[in-house]
Amino acid sequence: GGDIAAWCVLQGMEVTLQDRELKYIEPALKRA
């Protein structure tokens, strides 16, 4: 999910990324 979101952003889209808590989203932001 995190990598799909990052790829969509890279193609020019605005993306909101949802998970249960922010701590689960932070690793995806780092990879992005």
All heavy atoms as atom14 arrays in JSON, in Angstrom:
{
  "sequence": "GGDIAAWCVLQGMEVTLQDRELKYIEPALKRA",
  "atom14_mask": [
    [1, 1, 1, 1, 0, 0, 0, 0, 0, 0, 0, 0, 0, 0],
    [1, 1, 1, 1, 0, 0, 0, 0, 0, 0, 0, 0, 0, 0],
    [1, 1, 1, 1, 1, 1, 1, 1, 0, 0, 0, 0, 0, 0],
    [1, 1, 1, 1, 1, 1, 1, 1, 0, 0, 0, 0, 0, 0],
    [1, 1, 1, 1, 1, 0, 0, 0, 0, 0, 0, 0, 0, 0],
    [1, 1, 1, 1, 1, 0, 0, 0, 0, 0, 0, 0, 0, 0],
    [1, 1, 1, 1, 1, 1, 1, 1, 1, 1, 1, 1, 1, 1],
    [1, 1, 1, 1, 1, 1, 0, 0, 0, 0, 0, 0, 0, 0],
    [1, 1, 1, 1, 1, 1, 1, 0, 0, 0, 0, 0, 0, 0],
    [1, 1, 1, 1, 1, 1, 1, 1, 0, 0, 0, 0, 0, 0],
    [1, 1, 1, 1, 1, 1, 1, 1, 1, 0, 0, 0, 0, 0],
    [1, 1, 1, 1, 0, 0, 0, 0, 0, 0, 0, 0, 0, 0],
    [1, 1, 1, 1, 1, 1, 1, 1, 0, 0, 0, 0, 0, 0],
    [1, 1, 1, 1, 1, 1, 1, 1, 1, 0, 0, 0, 0, 0],
    [1, 1, 1, 1, 1, 1, 1, 0, 0, 0, 0, 0, 0, 0],
    [1, 1, 1, 1, 1, 1, 1, 0, 0, 0, 0, 0, 0, 0],
    [1, 1, 1, 1, 1, 1, 1, 1, 0, 0, 0, 0, 0, 0],
    [1, 1, 1, 1, 1, 1, 1, 1, 1, 0, 0, 0, 0, 0],
    [1, 1, 1, 1, 1, 1, 1, 1, 0, 0, 0, 0, 0, 0],
    [1, 1, 1, 1, 1, 1, 1, 1, 1, 1, 1, 0, 0, 0],
    [1, 1, 1, 1, 1, 1, 1, 1, 1, 0, 0, 0, 0, 0],
    [1, 1, 1, 1, 1, 1, 1, 1, 0, 0, 0, 0, 0, 0],
    [1, 1, 1, 1, 1, 1, 1, 1, 1, 0, 0, 0, 0, 0],
    [1, 1, 1, 1, 1, 1, 1, 1, 1, 1, 1, 1, 0, 0],
    [1, 1, 1, 1, 1, 1, 1, 1, 0, 0, 0, 0, 0, 0],
    [1, 1, 1, 1, 1, 1, 1, 1, 1, 0, 0, 0, 0, 0],
    [1, 1, 1, 1, 1, 1, 1, 0, 0, 0, 0, 0, 0, 0],
    [1, 1, 1, 1, 1, 0, 0, 0, 0, 0, 0, 0, 0, 0],
    [1, 1, 1, 1, 1, 1, 1, 1, 0, 0, 0, 0, 0, 0],
    [1, 1, 1, 1, 1, 1, 1, 1, 1, 0, 0, 0, 0, 0],
    [1, 1, 1, 1, 1, 1, 1, 1, 1, 1, 1, 0, 0, 0],
    [1, 1, 1, 1, 1, 0, 0, 0, 0, 0, 0, 0, 0, 0]
  ],
  "atom14_positions": [
    [[0.81, -1.22, 0.0], [0.0, 0.0, 0.0], [0.84, 1.27, 0.0], [0.57, 2.21, -0.76], [0.0, 0.0, 0.0], [0.0, 0.0, 0.0], [0.0, 0.0, 0.0], [0.0, 0.0, 0.0], [0.0, 0.0, 0.0], [0.0, 0.0, 0.0], [0.0, 0.0, 0.0], [0.0, 0.0, 0.0], [0.0, 0.0, 0.0], [0.0, 0.0, 0.0]],
    [[1.87, 1.29, 0.84], [2.74, 2.46, 0.9], [3.45, 2.71, -0.42], [3.59, 3.86, -0.85], [0.0, 0.0, 0.0], [0.0, 0.0, 0.0], [0.0, 0.0, 0.0], [0.0, 0.0, 0.0], [0.0, 0.0, 0.0], [0.0, 0.0, 0.0], [0.0, 0.0, 0.0], [0.0, 0.0, 0.0], [0.0, 0.0, 0.0], [0.0, 0.0, 0.0]],
    [[3.88, 1.63, -1.07], [4.6, 1.79, -2.34], [3.66, 2.17, -3.48], [4.07, 2.88, -4.41], [5.38, 0.51, -2.67], [6.57, 0.3, -1.73], [6.78, 1.15, -0.85], [7.27, -0.71, -1.88], [0.0, 0.0, 0.0], [0.0, 0.0, 0.0], [0.0, 0.0, 0.0], [0.0, 0.0, 0.0], [0.0, 0.0, 0.0], [0.0, 0.0, 0.0]],
    [[2.41, 1.7, -3.44], [1.42, 2.13, -4.43], [1.2, 3.64, -4.29], [1.17, 4.38, -5.28], [0.08, 1.37, -4.25], [0.25, -0.1, -4.62], [-1.02, 2.01, -5.09], [-0.96, -0.96, -4.25], [0.0, 0.0, 0.0], [0.0, 0.0, 0.0], [0.0, 0.0, 0.0], [0.0, 0.0, 0.0], [0.0, 0.0, 0.0], [0.0, 0.0, 0.0]],
    [[1.04, 4.09, -3.05], [0.83, 5.52, -2.8], [2.0, 6.35, -3.31], [1.82, 7.38, -3.98], [0.62, 5.76, -1.3], [0.0, 0.0, 0.0], [0.0, 0.0, 0.0], [0.0, 0.0, 0.0], [0.0, 0.0, 0.0], [0.0, 0.0, 0.0], [0.0, 0.0, 0.0], [0.0, 0.0, 0.0], [0.0, 0.0, 0.0], [0.0, 0.0, 0.0]],
    [[3.22, 5.89, -3.01], [4.42, 6.64, -3.44], [4.51, 6.69, -4.96], [4.88, 7.73, -5.54], [5.66, 5.99, -2.85], [0.0, 0.0, 0.0], [0.0, 0.0, 0.0], [0.0, 0.0, 0.0], [0.0, 0.0, 0.0], [0.0, 0.0, 0.0], [0.0, 0.0, 0.0], [0.0, 0.0, 0.0], [0.0, 0.0, 0.0], [0.0, 0.0, 0.0]],
    [[4.19, 5.58, -5.62], [4.27, 5.54, -7.08], [3.26, 6.51, -7.7], [3.57, 7.21, -8.67], [4.05, 4.13, -7.6], [4.2, 4.07, -9.1], [3.22, 3.98, -10.04], [5.44, 4.14, -9.82], [3.74, 3.99, -11.3], [5.1, 4.09, -11.2], [6.78, 4.25, -9.45], [6.09, 4.14, -12.2], [7.74, 4.29, -10.45], [7.39, 4.24, -11.81]],
    [[2.04, 6.55, -7.15], [1.02, 7.48, -7.66], [1.47, 8.92, -7.49], [1.25, 9.77, -8.38], [-0.31, 7.24, -6.94], [-1.11, 5.68, -7.35], [0.0, 0.0, 0.0], [0.0, 0.0, 0.0], [0.0, 0.0, 0.0], [0.0, 0.0, 0.0], [0.0, 0.0, 0.0], [0.0, 0.0, 0.0], [0.0, 0.0, 0.0], [0.0, 0.0, 0.0]],
    [[2.11, 9.23, -6.37], [2.64, 10.58, -6.14], [3.7, 10.91, -7.18], [3.74, 12.0, -7.75], [3.22, 10.7, -4.72], [4.06, 11.97, -4.58], [2.09, 10.7, -3.69], [0.0, 0.0, 0.0], [0.0, 0.0, 0.0], [0.0, 0.0, 0.0], [0.0, 0.0, 0.0], [0.0, 0.0, 0.0], [0.0, 0.0, 0.0], [0.0, 0.0, 0.0]],
    [[4.57, 9.94, -7.45], [5.65, 10.14, -8.41], [5.11, 10.45, -9.81], [5.76, 11.11, -10.61], [6.53, 8.89, -8.46], [7.95, 9.01, -8.99], [8.76, 10.04, -8.21], [8.65, 7.67, -8.95], [0.0, 0.0, 0.0], [0.0, 0.0, 0.0], [0.0, 0.0, 0.0], [0.0, 0.0, 0.0], [0.0, 0.0, 0.0], [0.0, 0.0, 0.0]],
    [[3.89, 9.97, -10.1], [3.26, 10.22, -11.4], [2.42, 11.5, -11.4], [1.68, 11.76, -12.34], [2.4, 9.03, -11.81], [3.12, 7.7, -11.81], [4.42, 7.72, -12.55], [4.47, 8.14, -13.71], [5.5, 7.3, -11.91], [0.0, 0.0, 0.0], [0.0, 0.0, 0.0], [0.0, 0.0, 0.0], [0.0, 0.0, 0.0], [0.0, 0.0, 0.0]],
    [[2.53, 12.31, -10.32], [1.91, 13.63, -10.29], [0.61, 13.73, -9.52], [0.0, 14.8, -9.48], [0.0, 0.0, 0.0], [0.0, 0.0, 0.0], [0.0, 0.0, 0.0], [0.0, 0.0, 0.0], [0.0, 0.0, 0.0], [0.0, 0.0, 0.0], [0.0, 0.0, 0.0], [0.0, 0.0, 0.0], [0.0, 0.0, 0.0], [0.0, 0.0, 0.0]],
    [[0.16, 12.65, -8.89], [-1.1, 12.68, -8.17], [-0.93, 13.15, -6.73], [0.17, 13.06, -6.17], [-1.76, 11.29, -8.17], [-2.15, 10.78, -9.54], [-2.94, 9.15, -9.47], [-4.48, 9.58, -8.68], [0.0, 0.0, 0.0], [0.0, 0.0, 0.0], [0.0, 0.0, 0.0], [0.0, 0.0, 0.0], [0.0, 0.0, 0.0], [0.0, 0.0, 0.0]],
    [[-2.03, 13.64, -6.13], [-2.08, 13.88, -4.69], [-2.64, 12.62, -4.05], [-3.64, 12.08, -4.52], [-3.0, 15.07, -4.37], [-2.46, 16.41, -4.81], [-3.4, 17.54, -4.44], [-4.43, 17.27, -3.75], [-3.13, 18.68, -4.84], [0.0, 0.0, 0.0], [0.0, 0.0, 0.0], [0.0, 0.0, 0.0], [0.0, 0.0, 0.0], [0.0, 0.0, 0.0]],
    [[-1.99, 12.15, -2.99], [-2.39, 10.87, -2.39], [-2.52, 11.01, -0.88], [-1.62, 11.53, -0.21], [-1.35, 9.77, -2.71], [-1.8, 8.43, -2.1], [-1.17, 9.62, -4.22], [0.0, 0.0, 0.0], [0.0, 0.0, 0.0], [0.0, 0.0, 0.0], [0.0, 0.0, 0.0], [0.0, 0.0, 0.0], [0.0, 0.0, 0.0], [0.0, 0.0, 0.0]],
    [[-3.65, 10.53, -0.35], [-3.81, 10.4, 1.1], [-3.63, 8.93, 1.44], [-4.18, 8.05, 0.77], [-5.2, 10.89, 1.54], [-6.2, 10.41, 0.62], [-5.26, 12.4, 1.59], [0.0, 0.0, 0.0], [0.0, 0.0, 0.0], [0.0, 0.0, 0.0], [0.0, 0.0, 0.0], [0.0, 0.0, 0.0], [0.0, 0.0, 0.0], [0.0, 0.0, 0.0]],
    [[-2.84, 8.66, 2.48], [-2.49, 7.3, 2.86], [-3.02, 7.01, 4.25], [-2.66, 7.69, 5.21], [-0.96, 7.12, 2.81], [-0.39, 5.75, 3.17], [-0.97, 4.65, 2.29], [1.13, 5.76, 3.06], [0.0, 0.0, 0.0], [0.0, 0.0, 0.0], [0.0, 0.0, 0.0], [0.0, 0.0, 0.0], [0.0, 0.0, 0.0], [0.0, 0.0, 0.0]],
    [[-3.87, 6.0, 4.35], [-4.57, 5.72, 5.6], [-4.1, 4.41, 6.23], [-3.85, 3.43, 5.54], [-6.08, 5.63, 5.34], [-6.92, 5.38, 6.59], [-8.41, 5.3, 6.27], [-8.84, 5.55, 5.14], [-9.21, 4.93, 7.26], [0.0, 0.0, 0.0], [0.0, 0.0, 0.0], [0.0, 0.0, 0.0], [0.0, 0.0, 0.0], [0.0, 0.0, 0.0]],
    [[-3.98, 4.44, 7.55], [-3.76, 3.22, 8.34], [-4.27, 3.5, 9.75], [-4.68, 4.62, 10.06], [-2.29, 2.79, 8.34], [-2.15, 1.27, 8.39], [-2.8, 0.66, 9.27], [-1.43, 0.7, 7.56], [0.0, 0.0, 0.0], [0.0, 0.0, 0.0], [0.0, 0.0, 0.0], [0.0, 0.0, 0.0], [0.0, 0.0, 0.0], [0.0, 0.0, 0.0]],
    [[-4.2, 2.48, 10.61], [-4.81, 2.61, 11.94], [-4.18, 3.71, 12.79], [-4.86, 4.42, 13.51], [-4.73, 1.27, 12.68], [-5.64, 0.19, 12.11], [-5.3, -1.16, 12.7], [-4.0, -1.63, 12.24], [-3.33, -2.64, 12.77], [-3.82, -3.27, 13.84], [-2.17, -3.01, 12.28], [0.0, 0.0, 0.0], [0.0, 0.0, 0.0], [0.0, 0.0, 0.0]],
    [[-2.85, 3.83, 12.72], [-2.14, 4.84, 13.49], [-1.02, 5.42, 12.64], [-0.55, 4.79, 11.68], [-1.55, 4.23, 14.77], [-2.57, 3.69, 15.76], [-1.89, 3.09, 16.99], [-0.94, 3.71, 17.5], [-2.3, 1.99, 17.41], [0.0, 0.0, 0.0], [0.0, 0.0, 0.0], [0.0, 0.0, 0.0], [0.0, 0.0, 0.0], [0.0, 0.0, 0.0]],
    [[-0.56, 6.61, 13.02], [0.5, 7.28, 12.27], [1.78, 6.45, 12.26], [2.52, 6.46, 11.27], [0.77, 8.66, 12.87], [1.8, 9.53, 12.14], [1.36, 9.79, 10.7], [2.04, 10.84, 12.88], [0.0, 0.0, 0.0], [0.0, 0.0, 0.0], [0.0, 0.0, 0.0], [0.0, 0.0, 0.0], [0.0, 0.0, 0.0], [0.0, 0.0, 0.0]],
    [[2.03, 5.7, 13.33], [3.27, 4.92, 13.4], [3.34, 3.86, 12.3], [4.43, 3.41, 11.93], [3.42, 4.27, 14.79], [2.39, 3.19, 15.1], [2.63, 2.61, 16.49], [1.63, 1.5, 16.82], [1.84, 0.95, 18.18], [0.0, 0.0, 0.0], [0.0, 0.0, 0.0], [0.0, 0.0, 0.0], [0.0, 0.0, 0.0], [0.0, 0.0, 0.0]],
    [[2.18, 3.42, 11.78], [2.18, 2.45, 10.69], [2.4, 3.12, 9.33], [2.78, 2.46, 8.36], [0.85, 1.68, 10.66], [0.59, 0.88, 11.91], [-0.52, 1.13, 12.71], [1.45, -0.14, 12.3], [-0.76, 0.4, 13.87], [1.23, -0.88, 13.45], [0.12, -0.6, 14.23], [-0.1, -1.32, 15.37], [0.0, 0.0, 0.0], [0.0, 0.0, 0.0]],
    [[2.18, 4.43, 9.26], [2.35, 5.18, 8.01], [3.77, 5.68, 7.85], [4.29, 5.81, 6.74], [1.35, 6.36, 7.95], [-0.09, 5.83, 8.06], [1.51, 7.16, 6.67], [-1.16, 6.92, 8.12], [0.0, 0.0, 0.0], [0.0, 0.0, 0.0], [0.0, 0.0, 0.0], [0.0, 0.0, 0.0], [0.0, 0.0, 0.0], [0.0, 0.0, 0.0]],
    [[4.44, 5.95, 8.97], [5.77, 6.57, 8.93], [6.81, 5.76, 8.13], [7.58, 6.35, 7.36], [6.26, 6.82, 10.37], [5.55, 8.01, 11.01], [5.85, 8.15, 12.49], [6.4, 7.18, 13.07], [5.55, 9.22, 13.06], [0.0, 0.0, 0.0], [0.0, 0.0, 0.0], [0.0, 0.0, 0.0], [0.0, 0.0, 0.0], [0.0, 0.0, 0.0]],
    [[6.86, 4.42, 8.26], [7.83, 3.67, 7.42], [7.56, 3.84, 5.93], [8.5, 3.9, 5.13], [7.61, 2.22, 7.86], [7.02, 2.31, 9.22], [6.17, 3.53, 9.2], [0.0, 0.0, 0.0], [0.0, 0.0, 0.0], [0.0, 0.0, 0.0], [0.0, 0.0, 0.0], [0.0, 0.0, 0.0], [0.0, 0.0, 0.0], [0.0, 0.0, 0.0]],
    [[6.28, 3.95, 5.55], [5.94, 4.16, 4.14], [6.43, 5.52, 3.65], [6.9, 5.66, 2.51], [4.43, 4.04, 3.95], [0.0, 0.0, 0.0], [0.0, 0.0, 0.0], [0.0, 0.0, 0.0], [0.0, 0.0, 0.0], [0.0, 0.0, 0.0], [0.0, 0.0, 0.0], [0.0, 0.0, 0.0], [0.0, 0.0, 0.0], [0.0, 0.0, 0.0]],
    [[6.33, 6.53, 4.5], [6.82, 7.87, 4.15], [8.34, 7.85, 3.96], [8.88, 8.52, 3.07], [6.43, 8.88, 5.22], [4.92, 9.09, 5.46], [4.71, 10.08, 6.6], [4.23, 9.57, 4.2], [0.0, 0.0, 0.0], [0.0, 0.0, 0.0], [0.0, 0.0, 0.0], [0.0, 0.0, 0.0], [0.0, 0.0, 0.0], [0.0, 0.0, 0.0]],
    [[9.01, 7.09, 4.79], [10.47, 6.98, 4.71], [10.88, 6.3, 3.39], [11.81, 6.75, 2.7], [11.01, 6.18, 5.91], [12.51, 6.15, 6.01], [12.95, 5.41, 7.27], [14.47, 5.35, 7.37], [14.91, 4.6, 8.59], [0.0, 0.0, 0.0], [0.0, 0.0, 0.0], [0.0, 0.0, 0.0], [0.0, 0.0, 0.0], [0.0, 0.0, 0.0]],
    [[10.18, 5.23, 3.04], [10.47, 4.53, 1.78], [10.16, 5.45, 0.59], [10.88, 5.45, -0.4], [9.66, 3.24, 1.65], [10.08, 2.13, 2.58], [9.54, 0.78, 2.12], [8.12, 0.83, 1.8], [7.14, 0.74, 2.7], [7.44, 0.59, 3.98], [5.88, 0.78, 2.33], [0.0, 0.0, 0.0], [0.0, 0.0, 0.0], [0.0, 0.0, 0.0]],
    [[9.08, 6.21, 0.72], [8.7, 7.13, -0.36], [9.78, 8.17, -0.59], [10.13, 8.49, -1.74], [7.38, 7.81, -0.03], [0.0, 0.0, 0.0], [0.0, 0.0, 0.0], [0.0, 0.0, 0.0], [0.0, 0.0, 0.0], [0.0, 0.0, 0.0], [0.0, 0.0, 0.0], [0.0, 0.0, 0.0], [0.0, 0.0, 0.0], [0.0, 0.0, 0.0]]
  ]
}
